[in-house]
Amino acid sequence: MTDPEYLDRAEAALAAIEQGCDRINDATDADIDNQRVGGMITITFPNKSQLIVNLQPPLQEIWLAARSGGYHYRQVDGAWRDTKTGEELFANLSREATAQSGQPLQFSALSS
C-alpha cells in the first residue's frame, strides 16, 4: 500500500471513530468525550479512563492504547487487523470501550 493509500484508509478509520462517538452519545447515556488532535483521537469516559487511537504513518499502522494494553493494526484484506491476534480494530475498540464505560458500546467502520 502506498503512503497516500494508507493515509486515506487511516483517516477514514479515524472519521468512523469520531462518528461512532457522536452516535453513541446520541443513542446512550455513555457521555463519552472525544478530542482529535492531528492523527490522534482521545476518548475519555466519565470515570476519567481513556482510549487513545493514533496513526503511525512510518509503519502504516493504527495504534490503540487502552487499560488492557496497547494494540497495533495494519490493513489486511480491507480491514485493520491486530498484528498479533488478527482481531479487527472496531471489534476491539468496541470491547475496550464497553469495558471502560461499563455499558455496551459499539463502534464500526464507515460504509463505503
PDB file of N, CA and C in Angstrom:
ATOM      1  N   MET A   1       0.857  -1.167   0.000  1.00  0.00           N
ATOM      2  CA  MET A   1       0.000   0.000   0.000  1.00  0.00           C
ATOM      3  C   MET A   1       0.905   1.232   0.000  1.00  0.00           C
ATOM      4  N   THR A   2       0.533   2.200  -0.795  1.00  0.00           N
ATOM      5  CA  THR A   2       1.311   3.433  -0.848  1.00  0.00           C
ATOM      6  C   THR A   2       0.998   4.293   0.381  1.00  0.00           C
ATOM      7  N   ASP A   3       1.858   5.260   0.642  1.00  0.00           N
ATOM      8  CA  ASP A   3       1.617   6.159   1.773  1.00  0.00           C
ATOM      9  C   ASP A   3       0.292   6.922   1.622  1.00  0.00           C
ATOM     10  N   PRO A   4      -0.016   7.461   0.435  1.00  0.00           N
ATOM     11  CA  PRO A   4      -1.314   8.141   0.290  1.00  0.00           C
ATOM     12  C   PRO A   4      -2.506   7.195   0.526  1.00  0.00           C
ATOM     13  N   GLU A   5      -2.399   5.944   0.077  1.00  0.00           N
ATOM     14  CA  GLU A   5      -3.476   4.974   0.332  1.00  0.00           C
ATOM     15  C   GLU A   5      -3.630   4.722   1.828  1.00  0.00           C
ATOM     16  N   TYR A   6      -2.500   4.556   2.516  1.00  0.00           N
ATOM     17  CA  TYR A   6      -2.548   4.369   3.963  1.00  0.00           C
ATOM     18  C   TYR A   6      -3.255   5.551   4.624  1.00  0.00           C
ATOM     19  N   LEU A   7      -2.839   6.766   4.271  1.00  0.00           N
ATOM     20  CA  LEU A   7      -3.432   7.947   4.900  1.00  0.00           C
ATOM     21  C   LEU A   7      -4.929   8.039   4.636  1.00  0.00           C
ATOM     22  N   ASP A   8      -5.369   7.742   3.419  1.00  0.00           N
ATOM     23  CA  ASP A   8      -6.803   7.765   3.109  1.00  0.00           C
ATOM     24  C   ASP A   8      -7.556   6.759   3.977  1.00  0.00           C
ATOM     25  N   ARG A   9      -7.053   5.547   4.067  1.00  0.00           N
ATOM     26  CA  ARG A   9      -7.730   4.489   4.835  1.00  0.00           C
ATOM     27  C   ARG A   9      -7.678   4.771   6.329  1.00  0.00           C
ATOM     28  N   ALA A  10      -6.545   5.254   6.806  1.00  0.00           N
ATOM     29  CA  ALA A  10      -6.403   5.555   8.233  1.00  0.00           C
ATOM     30  C   ALA A  10      -7.288   6.733   8.625  1.00  0.00           C
ATOM     31  N   GLU A  11      -7.345   7.761   7.786  1.00  0.00           N
ATOM     32  CA  GLU A  11      -8.217   8.907   8.064  1.00  0.00           C
ATOM     33  C   GLU A  11      -9.688   8.483   8.063  1.00  0.00           C
ATOM     34  N   ALA A  12     -10.051   7.561   7.179  1.00  0.00           N
ATOM     35  CA  ALA A  12     -11.426   7.051   7.164  1.00  0.00           C
ATOM     36  C   ALA A  12     -11.736   6.320   8.471  1.00  0.00           C
ATOM     37  N   ALA A  13     -10.767   5.581   8.998  1.00  0.00           N
ATOM     38  CA  ALA A  13     -10.960   4.883  10.274  1.00  0.00           C
ATOM     39  C   ALA A  13     -11.145   5.883  11.412  1.00  0.00           C
ATOM     40  N   LEU A  14     -10.327   6.934  11.435  1.00  0.00           N
ATOM     41  CA  LEU A  14     -10.482   7.947  12.484  1.00  0.00           C
ATOM     42  C   LEU A  14     -11.827   8.656  12.368  1.00  0.00           C
ATOM     43  N   ALA A  15     -12.257   8.955  11.146  1.00  0.00           N
ATOM     44  CA  ALA A  15     -13.571   9.584  10.948  1.00  0.00           C
ATOM     45  C   ALA A  15     -14.685   8.670  11.457  1.00  0.00           C
ATOM     46  N   ALA A  16     -14.558   7.371  11.226  1.00  0.00           N
ATOM     47  CA  ALA A  16     -15.562   6.416  11.703  1.00  0.00           C
ATOM     48  C   ALA A  16     -15.591   6.388  13.239  1.00  0.00           C
ATOM     49  N   ILE A  17     -14.433   6.496  13.855  1.00  0.00           N
ATOM     50  CA  ILE A  17     -14.381   6.519  15.323  1.00  0.00           C
ATOM     51  C   ILE A  17     -15.045   7.785  15.849  1.00  0.00           C
ATOM     52  N   GLU A  18     -14.753   8.930  15.245  1.00  0.00           N
ATOM     53  CA  GLU A  18     -15.386  10.180  15.665  1.00  0.00           C
ATOM     54  C   GLU A  18     -16.907  10.106  15.504  1.00  0.00           C
ATOM     55  N   GLN A  19     -17.360   9.593  14.363  1.00  0.00           N
ATOM     56  CA  GLN A  19     -18.800   9.466  14.138  1.00  0.00           C
ATOM     57  C   GLN A  19     -19.410   8.466  15.104  1.00  0.00           C
ATOM     58  N   GLY A  20     -18.657   7.411  15.430  1.00  0.00           N
ATOM     59  CA  GLY A  20     -19.131   6.430  16.409  1.00  0.00           C
ATOM     60  C   GLY A  20     -19.335   7.056  17.772  1.00  0.00           C
ATOM     61  N   CYS A  21     -18.421   7.919  18.179  1.00  0.00           N
ATOM     62  CA  CYS A  21     -18.573   8.614  19.466  1.00  0.00           C
ATOM     63  C   CYS A  21     -19.830   9.477  19.462  1.00  0.00           C
ATOM     64  N   ASP A  22     -20.043  10.212  18.367  1.00  0.00           N
ATOM     65  CA  ASP A  22     -21.240  11.053  18.266  1.00  0.00           C
ATOM     66  C   ASP A  22     -22.509  10.199  18.320  1.00  0.00           C
ATOM     67  N   ARG A  23     -22.513   9.092  17.579  1.00  0.00           N
ATOM     68  CA  ARG A  23     -23.687   8.216  17.556  1.00  0.00           C
ATOM     69  C   ARG A  23     -23.947   7.626  18.941  1.00  0.00           C
ATOM     70  N   ILE A  24     -22.892   7.188  19.607  1.00  0.00           N
ATOM     71  CA  ILE A  24     -23.033   6.607  20.944  1.00  0.00           C
ATOM     72  C   ILE A  24     -23.616   7.643  21.908  1.00  0.00           C
ATOM     73  N   ASN A  25     -23.117   8.876  21.844  1.00  0.00           N
ATOM     74  CA  ASN A  25     -23.643   9.912  22.737  1.00  0.00           C
ATOM     75  C   ASN A  25     -25.099  10.251  22.443  1.00  0.00           C
ATOM     76  N   ASP A  26     -25.498  10.180  21.175  1.00  0.00           N
ATOM     77  CA  ASP A  26     -26.892  10.438  20.810  1.00  0.00           C
ATOM     78  C   ASP A  26     -27.816   9.310  21.253  1.00  0.00           C
ATOM     79  N   ALA A  27     -27.304   8.075  21.252  1.00  0.00           N
ATOM     80  CA  ALA A  27     -28.152   6.909  21.488  1.00  0.00           C
ATOM     81  C   ALA A  27     -28.088   6.353  22.906  1.00  0.00           C
ATOM     82  N   THR A  28     -27.102   6.768  23.692  1.00  0.00           N
ATOM     83  CA  THR A  28     -26.934   6.213  25.036  1.00  0.00           C
ATOM     84  C   THR A  28     -26.648   7.335  26.027  1.00  0.00           C
ATOM     85  N   ASP A  29     -26.520   6.959  27.287  1.00  0.00           N
ATOM     86  CA  ASP A  29     -26.120   7.926  28.300  1.00  0.00           C
ATOM     87  C   ASP A  29     -24.643   7.759  28.663  1.00  0.00           C
ATOM     88  N   ALA A  30     -23.854   7.215  27.726  1.00  0.00           N
ATOM     89  CA  ALA A  30     -22.432   6.944  27.982  1.00  0.00           C
ATOM     90  C   ALA A  30     -21.651   8.223  28.277  1.00  0.00           C
ATOM     91  N   ASP A  31     -22.036   9.346  27.668  1.00  0.00           N
ATOM     92  CA  ASP A  31     -21.395  10.636  27.897  1.00  0.00           C
ATOM     93  C   ASP A  31     -19.882  10.573  27.711  1.00  0.00           C
ATOM     94  N   ILE A  32     -19.461  10.037  26.562  1.00  0.00           N
ATOM     95  CA  ILE A  32     -18.034   9.974  26.273  1.00  0.00           C
ATOM     96  C   ILE A  32     -17.604  11.250  25.554  1.00  0.00           C
ATOM     97  N   ASP A  33     -16.384  11.644  25.789  1.00  0.00           N
ATOM     98  CA  ASP A  33     -15.823  12.828  25.154  1.00  0.00           C
ATOM     99  C   ASP A  33     -14.741  12.368  24.192  1.00  0.00           C
ATOM    100  N   ASN A  34     -14.745  12.901  22.993  1.00  0.00           N
ATOM    101  CA  ASN A  34     -13.665  12.583  22.070  1.00  0.00           C
ATOM    102  C   ASN A  34     -13.027  13.871  21.585  1.00  0.00           C
ATOM    103  N   GLN A  35     -11.708  13.852  21.562  1.00  0.00           N
ATOM    104  CA  GLN A  35     -10.956  15.009  21.095  1.00  0.00           C
ATOM    105  C   GLN A  35      -9.926  14.532  20.090  1.00  0.00           C
ATOM    106  N   ARG A  36      -9.906  15.208  18.960  1.00  0.00           N
ATOM    107  CA  ARG A  36      -8.940  14.857  17.918  1.00  0.00           C
ATOM    108  C   ARG A  36      -7.908  15.962  17.775  1.00  0.00           C
ATOM    109  N   VAL A  37      -6.659  15.556  17.774  1.00  0.00           N
ATOM    110  CA  VAL A  37      -5.550  16.458  17.502  1.00  0.00           C
ATOM    111  C   VAL A  37      -4.691  15.757  16.462  1.00  0.00           C
ATOM    112  N   GLY A  38      -4.691  16.291  15.246  1.00  0.00           N
ATOM    113  CA  GLY A  38      -3.930  15.673  14.164  1.00  0.00           C
ATOM    114  C   GLY A  38      -4.376  14.243  13.934  1.00  0.00           C
ATOM    115  N   GLY A  39      -3.439  13.302  13.996  1.00  0.00           N
ATOM    116  CA  GLY A  39      -3.734  11.897  13.769  1.00  0.00           C
ATOM    117  C   GLY A  39      -4.007  11.122  15.037  1.00  0.00           C
ATOM    118  N   MET A  40      -4.506  11.806  16.081  1.00  0.00           N
ATOM    119  CA  MET A  40      -4.775  11.127  17.351  1.00  0.00           C
ATOM    120  C   MET A  40      -6.151  11.512  17.883  1.00  0.00           C
ATOM    121  N   ILE A  41      -6.891  10.495  18.330  1.00  0.00           N
ATOM    122  CA  ILE A  41      -8.172  10.715  18.996  1.00  0.00           C
ATOM    123  C   ILE A  41      -8.055  10.188  20.414  1.00  0.00           C
ATOM    124  N   THR A  42      -8.454  11.031  21.373  1.00  0.00           N
ATOM    125  CA  THR A  42      -8.524  10.621  22.770  1.00  0.00           C
ATOM    126  C   THR A  42      -9.997  10.534  23.145  1.00  0.00           C
ATOM    127  N   ILE A  43     -10.417   9.361  23.577  1.00  0.00           N
ATOM    128  CA  ILE A  43     -11.790   9.139  24.026  1.00  0.00           C
ATOM    129  C   ILE A  43     -11.737   9.052  25.548  1.00  0.00           C
ATOM    130  N   THR A  44     -12.464   9.940  26.210  1.00  0.00           N
ATOM    131  CA  THR A  44     -12.463   9.990  27.672  1.00  0.00           C
ATOM    132  C   THR A  44     -13.856   9.636  28.185  1.00  0.00           C
ATOM    133  N   PHE A  45     -13.882   8.745  29.161  1.00  0.00           N
ATOM    134  CA  PHE A  45     -15.127   8.277  29.759  1.00  0.00           C
ATOM    135  C   PHE A  45     -15.397   9.036  31.053  1.00  0.00           C
ATOM    136  N   PRO A  46     -16.647   9.051  31.530  1.00  0.00           N
ATOM    137  CA  PRO A  46     -16.954   9.779  32.767  1.00  0.00           C
ATOM    138  C   PRO A  46     -16.086   9.376  33.963  1.00  0.00           C
ATOM    139  N   ASN A  47     -15.601   8.140  33.991  1.00  0.00           N
ATOM    140  CA  ASN A  47     -14.734   7.694  35.086  1.00  0.00           C
ATOM    141  C   ASN A  47     -13.287   8.148  34.894  1.00  0.00           C
ATOM    142  N   LYS A  48     -13.050   8.990  33.888  1.00  0.00           N
ATOM    143  CA  LYS A  48     -11.742   9.573  33.544  1.00  0.00           C
ATOM    144  C   LYS A  48     -10.777   8.595  32.870  1.00  0.00           C
ATOM    145  N   SER A  49     -11.186   7.354  32.627  1.00  0.00           N
ATOM    146  CA  SER A  49     -10.326   6.448  31.856  1.00  0.00           C
ATOM    147  C   SER A  49     -10.365   6.892  30.395  1.00  0.00           C
ATOM    148  N   GLN A  50      -9.356   6.491  29.648  1.00  0.00           N
ATOM    149  CA  GLN A  50      -9.242   6.927  28.260  1.00  0.00           C
ATOM    150  C   GLN A  50      -8.864   5.780  27.336  1.00  0.00           C
ATOM    151  N   LEU A  51      -9.268   5.951  26.084  1.00  0.00           N
ATOM    152  CA  LEU A  51      -8.765   5.168  24.966  1.00  0.00           C
ATOM    153  C   LEU A  51      -8.082   6.166  24.044  1.00  0.00           C
ATOM    154  N   ILE A  52      -6.913   5.798  23.546  1.00  0.00           N
ATOM    155  CA  ILE A  52      -6.200   6.682  22.629  1.00  0.00           C
ATOM    156  C   ILE A  52      -5.927   5.920  21.341  1.00  0.00           C
ATOM    157  N   VAL A  53      -6.362   6.496  20.245  1.00  0.00           N
ATOM    158  CA  VAL A  53      -6.155   5.914  18.918  1.00  0.00           C
ATOM    159  C   VAL A  53      -5.281   6.886  18.144  1.00  0.00           C
ATOM    160  N   ASN A  54      -4.175   6.404  17.630  1.00  0.00           N
ATOM    161  CA  ASN A  54      -3.332   7.306  16.856  1.00  0.00           C
ATOM    162  C   ASN A  54      -2.707   6.609  15.660  1.00  0.00           C
ATOM    163  N   LEU A  55      -2.433   7.425  14.658  1.00  0.00           N
ATOM    164  CA  LEU A  55      -1.837   6.938  13.422  1.00  0.00           C
ATOM    165  C   LEU A  55      -0.329   6.846  13.582  1.00  0.00           C
ATOM    166  N   GLN A  56       0.242   5.839  12.941  1.00  0.00           N
ATOM    167  CA  GLN A  56       1.692   5.650  12.891  1.00  0.00           C
ATOM    168  C   GLN A  56       2.087   5.543  11.415  1.00  0.00           C
ATOM    169  N   PRO A  57       2.155   6.691  10.707  1.00  0.00           N
ATOM    170  CA  PRO A  57       2.431   6.662   9.263  1.00  0.00           C
ATOM    171  C   PRO A  57       3.711   5.940   8.855  1.00  0.00           C
ATOM    172  N   PRO A  58       4.827   6.073   9.582  1.00  0.00           N
ATOM    173  CA  PRO A  58       6.032   5.368   9.107  1.00  0.00           C
ATOM    174  C   PRO A  58       5.853   3.847   9.056  1.00  0.00           C
ATOM    175  N   LEU A  59       4.990   3.314   9.926  1.00  0.00           N
ATOM    176  CA  LEU A  59       4.750   1.873   9.974  1.00  0.00           C
ATOM    177  C   LEU A  59       3.486   1.474   9.222  1.00  0.00           C
ATOM    178  N   GLN A  60       2.730   2.453   8.746  1.00  0.00           N
ATOM    179  CA  GLN A  60       1.419   2.241   8.126  1.00  0.00           C
ATOM    180  C   GLN A  60       0.510   1.457   9.074  1.00  0.00           C
ATOM    181  N   GLU A  61       0.452   1.905  10.315  1.00  0.00           N
ATOM    182  CA  GLU A  61      -0.356   1.255  11.342  1.00  0.00           C
ATOM    183  C   GLU A  61      -1.250   2.274  12.037  1.00  0.00           C
ATOM    184  N   ILE A  62      -2.245   1.740  12.738  1.00  0.00           N
ATOM    185  CA  ILE A  62      -3.049   2.492  13.692  1.00  0.00           C
ATOM    186  C   ILE A  62      -2.815   1.823  15.042  1.00  0.00           C
ATOM    187  N   TRP A  63      -2.565   2.627  16.063  1.00  0.00           N
ATOM    188  CA  TRP A  63      -2.334   2.090  17.399  1.00  0.00           C
ATOM    189  C   TRP A  63      -3.490   2.461  18.317  1.00  0.00           C
ATOM    190  N   LEU A  64      -3.828   1.540  19.201  1.00  0.00           N
ATOM    191  CA  LEU A  64      -4.850   1.758  20.220  1.00  0.00           C
ATOM    192  C   LEU A  64      -4.230   1.509  21.581  1.00  0.00           C
ATOM    193  N   ALA A  65      -4.359   2.485  22.470  1.00  0.00           N
ATOM    194  CA  ALA A  65      -3.915   2.324  23.852  1.00  0.00           C
ATOM    195  C   ALA A  65      -5.154   2.269  24.735  1.00  0.00           C
ATOM    196  N   ALA A  66      -5.238   1.214  25.545  1.00  0.00           N
ATOM    197  CA  ALA A  66      -6.374   1.002  26.448  1.00  0.00           C
ATOM    198  C   ALA A  66      -5.847   0.544  27.802  1.00  0.00           C
ATOM    199  N   ARG A  67      -6.733   0.483  28.786  1.00  0.00           N
ATOM    200  CA  ARG A  67      -6.312  -0.008  30.098  1.00  0.00           C
ATOM    201  C   ARG A  67      -5.725  -1.408  30.004  1.00  0.00           C
ATOM    202  N   SER A  68      -6.242  -2.208  29.099  1.00  0.00           N
ATOM    203  CA  SER A  68      -5.798  -3.605  28.978  1.00  0.00           C
ATOM    204  C   SER A  68      -4.466  -3.749  28.251  1.00  0.00           C
ATOM    205  N   GLY A  69      -4.004  -2.677  27.589  1.00  0.00           N
ATOM    206  CA  GLY A  69      -2.731  -2.757  26.878  1.00  0.00           C
ATOM    207  C   GLY A  69      -2.735  -1.958  25.591  1.00  0.00           C
ATOM    208  N   GLY A  70      -1.712  -2.182  24.795  1.00  0.00           N
ATOM    209  CA  GLY A  70      -1.571  -1.492  23.524  1.00  0.00           C
ATOM    210  C   GLY A  70      -1.738  -2.462  22.365  1.00  0.00           C
ATOM    211  N   TYR A  71      -2.314  -1.964  21.283  1.00  0.00           N
ATOM    212  CA  TYR A  71      -2.608  -2.791  20.115  1.00  0.00           C
ATOM    213  C   TYR A  71      -2.141  -2.059  18.861  1.00  0.00           C
ATOM    214  N   HIS A  72      -1.626  -2.822  17.903  1.00  0.00           N
ATOM    215  CA  HIS A  72      -1.145  -2.266  16.636  1.00  0.00           C
ATOM    216  C   HIS A  72      -1.933  -2.926  15.506  1.00  0.00           C
ATOM    217  N   TYR A  73      -2.444  -2.109  14.588  1.00  0.00           N
ATOM    218  CA  TYR A  73      -3.290  -2.605  13.498  1.00  0.00           C
ATOM    219  C   TYR A  73      -2.693  -2.228  12.152  1.00  0.00           C
ATOM    220  N   ARG A  74      -2.763  -3.187  11.222  1.00  0.00           N
ATOM    221  CA  ARG A  74      -2.370  -2.970   9.825  1.00  0.00           C
ATOM    222  C   ARG A  74      -3.523  -3.398   8.931  1.00  0.00           C
ATOM    223  N   GLN A  75      -3.551  -2.842   7.736  1.00  0.00           N
ATOM    224  CA  GLN A  75      -4.577  -3.215   6.761  1.00  0.00           C
ATOM    225  C   GLN A  75      -4.311  -4.625   6.237  1.00  0.00           C
ATOM    226  N   VAL A  76      -5.319  -5.481   6.363  1.00  0.00           N
ATOM    227  CA  VAL A  76      -5.264  -6.839   5.827  1.00  0.00           C
ATOM    228  C   VAL A  76      -6.620  -7.103   5.179  1.00  0.00           C
ATOM    229  N   ASP A  77      -6.630  -7.335   3.892  1.00  0.00           N
ATOM    230  CA  ASP A  77      -7.864  -7.622   3.157  1.00  0.00           C
ATOM    231  C   ASP A  77      -8.968  -6.612   3.455  1.00  0.00           C
ATOM    232  N   GLY A  78      -8.609  -5.315   3.491  1.00  0.00           N
ATOM    233  CA  GLY A  78      -9.599  -4.254   3.647  1.00  0.00           C
ATOM    234  C   GLY A  78     -10.019  -3.955   5.068  1.00  0.00           C
ATOM    235  N   ALA A  79      -9.426  -4.602   6.059  1.00  0.00           N
ATOM    236  CA  ALA A  79      -9.766  -4.345   7.459  1.00  0.00           C
ATOM    237  C   ALA A  79      -8.493  -4.059   8.245  1.00  0.00           C
ATOM    238  N   TRP A  80      -8.620  -3.291   9.297  1.00  0.00           N
ATOM    239  CA  TRP A  80      -7.498  -3.032  10.193  1.00  0.00           C
ATOM    240  C   TRP A  80      -7.421  -4.187  11.177  1.00  0.00           C
ATOM    241  N   ARG A  81      -6.339  -4.975  11.101  1.00  0.00           N
ATOM    242  CA  ARG A  81      -6.171  -6.185  11.913  1.00  0.00           C
ATOM    243  C   ARG A  81      -4.998  -6.046  12.871  1.00  0.00           C
ATOM    244  N   ASP A  82      -5.216  -6.511  14.115  1.00  0.00           N
ATOM    245  CA  ASP A  82      -4.152  -6.505  15.115  1.00  0.00           C
ATOM    246  C   ASP A  82      -2.988  -7.342  14.606  1.00  0.00           C
ATOM    247  N   THR A  83      -1.774  -6.832  14.760  1.00  0.00           N
ATOM    248  CA  THR A  83      -0.599  -7.508  14.222  1.00  0.00           C
ATOM    249  C   THR A  83      -0.260  -8.787  14.985  1.00  0.00           C
ATOM    250  N   LYS A  84      -0.790  -8.958  16.193  1.00  0.00           N
ATOM    251  CA  LYS A  84      -0.516 -10.172  16.977  1.00  0.00           C
ATOM    252  C   LYS A  84      -1.663 -11.171  16.923  1.00  0.00           C
ATOM    253  N   THR A  85      -2.903 -10.675  17.080  1.00  0.00           N
ATOM    254  CA  THR A  85      -4.045 -11.586  17.209  1.00  0.00           C
ATOM    255  C   THR A  85      -4.909 -11.672  15.959  1.00  0.00           C
ATOM    256  N   GLY A  86      -4.819 -10.679  15.075  1.00  0.00           N
ATOM    257  CA  GLY A  86      -5.682 -10.637  13.903  1.00  0.00           C
ATOM    258  C   GLY A  86      -7.045 -10.039  14.183  1.00  0.00           C
ATOM    259  N   GLU A  87      -7.306  -9.647  15.435  1.00  0.00           N
ATOM    260  CA  GLU A  87      -8.612  -9.059  15.772  1.00  0.00           C
ATOM    261  C   GLU A  87      -8.787  -7.740  15.031  1.00  0.00           C
ATOM    262  N   GLU A  88     -10.006  -7.465  14.622  1.00  0.00           N
ATOM    263  CA  GLU A  88     -10.335  -6.275  13.860  1.00  0.00           C
ATOM    264  C   GLU A  88     -10.415  -5.063  14.795  1.00  0.00           C
ATOM    265  N   LEU A  89      -9.931  -3.910  14.320  1.00  0.00           N
ATOM    266  CA  LEU A  89      -9.862  -2.683  15.113  1.00  0.00           C
ATOM    267  C   LEU A  89     -11.184  -2.319  15.770  1.00  0.00           C
ATOM    268  N   PHE A  90     -12.266  -2.254  15.000  1.00  0.00           N
ATOM    269  CA  PHE A  90     -13.524  -1.769  15.549  1.00  0.00           C
ATOM    270  C   PHE A  90     -14.134  -2.755  16.544  1.00  0.00           C
ATOM    271  N   ALA A  91     -13.903  -4.038  16.351  1.00  0.00           N
ATOM    272  CA  ALA A  91     -14.360  -5.034  17.330  1.00  0.00           C
ATOM    273  C   ALA A  91     -13.610  -4.846  18.647  1.00  0.00           C
ATOM    274  N   ASN A  92     -12.305  -4.649  18.561  1.00  0.00           N
ATOM    275  CA  ASN A  92     -11.513  -4.451  19.769  1.00  0.00           C
ATOM    276  C   ASN A  92     -11.857  -3.119  20.428  1.00  0.00           C
ATOM    277  N   LEU A  93     -12.022  -2.072  19.650  1.00  0.00           N
ATOM    278  CA  LEU A  93     -12.392  -0.769  20.190  1.00  0.00           C
ATOM    279  C   LEU A  93     -13.736  -0.860  20.912  1.00  0.00           C
ATOM    280  N   SER A  94     -14.676  -1.584  20.342  1.00  0.00           N
ATOM    281  CA  SER A  94     -15.984  -1.775  20.989  1.00  0.00           C
ATOM    282  C   SER A  94     -15.830  -2.498  22.319  1.00  0.00           C
ATOM    283  N   ARG A  95     -15.018  -3.548  22.336  1.00  0.00           N
ATOM    284  CA  ARG A  95     -14.806  -4.311  23.564  1.00  0.00           C
ATOM    285  C   ARG A  95     -14.144  -3.446  24.631  1.00  0.00           C
ATOM    286  N   GLU A  96     -13.125  -2.703  24.253  1.00  0.00           N
ATOM    287  CA  GLU A  96     -12.414  -1.861  25.212  1.00  0.00           C
ATOM    288  C   GLU A  96     -13.298  -0.725  25.718  1.00  0.00           C
ATOM    289  N   ALA A  97     -14.073  -0.103  24.828  1.00  0.00           N
ATOM    290  CA  ALA A  97     -14.981   0.970  25.239  1.00  0.00           C
ATOM    291  C   ALA A  97     -16.055   0.437  26.178  1.00  0.00           C
ATOM    292  N   THR A  98     -16.552  -0.749  25.898  1.00  0.00           N
ATOM    293  CA  THR A  98     -17.541  -1.377  26.774  1.00  0.00           C
ATOM    294  C   THR A  98     -16.945  -1.616  28.157  1.00  0.00           C
ATOM    295  N   ALA A  99     -15.738  -2.144  28.200  1.00  0.00           N
ATOM    296  CA  ALA A  99     -15.080  -2.424  29.485  1.00  0.00           C
ATOM    297  C   ALA A  99     -14.836  -1.140  30.266  1.00  0.00           C
ATOM    298  N   GLN A 100     -14.430  -0.082  29.597  1.00  0.00           N
ATOM    299  CA  GLN A 100     -14.083   1.143  30.296  1.00  0.00           C
ATOM    300  C   GLN A 100     -15.296   1.999  30.632  1.00  0.00           C
ATOM    301  N   SER A 101     -16.390   1.836  29.913  1.00  0.00           N
ATOM    302  CA  SER A 101     -17.586   2.637  30.184  1.00  0.00           C
ATOM    303  C   SER A 101     -18.558   1.931  31.127  1.00  0.00           C
ATOM    304  N   GLY A 102     -18.478   0.598  31.167  1.00  0.00           N
ATOM    305  CA  GLY A 102     -19.408  -0.156  31.993  1.00  0.00           C
ATOM    306  C   GLY A 102     -20.746  -0.414  31.329  1.00  0.00           C
ATOM    307  N   GLN A 103     -20.846  -0.109  30.048  1.00  0.00           N
ATOM    308  CA  GLN A 103     -22.075  -0.407  29.307  1.00  0.00           C
ATOM    309  C   GLN A 103     -21.710  -0.783  27.876  1.00  0.00           C
ATOM    310  N   PRO A 104     -22.578  -1.546  27.205  1.00  0.00           N
ATOM    311  CA  PRO A 104     -22.245  -1.994  25.843  1.00  0.00           C
ATOM    312  C   PRO A 104     -22.166  -0.809  24.869  1.00  0.00           C
ATOM    313  N   LEU A 105     -21.011  -0.665  24.228  1.00  0.00           N
ATOM    314  CA  LEU A 105     -20.811   0.371  23.226  1.00  0.00           C
ATOM    315  C   LEU A 105     -20.284  -0.279  21.955  1.00  0.00           C
ATOM    316  N   GLN A 106     -20.761   0.207  20.814  1.00  0.00           N
ATOM    317  CA  GLN A 106     -20.415  -0.425  19.538  1.00  0.00           C
ATOM    318  C   GLN A 106     -19.845   0.599  18.574  1.00  0.00           C
ATOM    319  N   PHE A 107     -18.658   0.298  18.052  1.00  0.00           N
ATOM    320  CA  PHE A 107     -18.031   1.086  17.003  1.00  0.00           C
ATOM    321  C   PHE A 107     -18.009   0.253  15.737  1.00  0.00           C
ATOM    322  N   SER A 108     -18.049   0.915  14.579  1.00  0.00           N
ATOM    323  CA  SER A 108     -17.953   0.187  13.304  1.00  0.00           C
ATOM    324  C   SER A 108     -17.323   1.085  12.251  1.00  0.00           C
ATOM    325  N   ALA A 109     -16.779   0.444  11.223  1.00  0.00           N
ATOM    326  CA  ALA A 109     -16.197   1.180  10.104  1.00  0.00           C
ATOM    327  C   ALA A 109     -17.311   1.869   9.331  1.00  0.00           C
ATOM    328  N   LEU A 110     -16.957   2.956   8.655  1.00  0.00           N
ATOM    329  CA  LEU A 110     -17.927   3.635   7.814  1.00  0.00           C
ATOM    330  C   LEU A 110     -18.222   2.802   6.589  1.00  0.00           C
ATOM    331  N   SER A 111     -19.454   2.855   6.144  1.00  0.00           N
ATOM    332  CA  SER A 111     -19.797   2.164   4.896  1.00  0.00           C
ATOM    333  C   SER A 111     -19.259   2.973   3.733  1.00  0.00           C
ATOM    334  N   SER A 112     -18.776   2.258   2.725  1.00  0.00           N
ATOM    335  CA  SER A 112     -18.241   2.949   1.537  1.00  0.00           C
ATOM    336  C   SER A 112     -19.346   3.450   0.669  1.00  0.00           C
TER     337      SER A 112
END
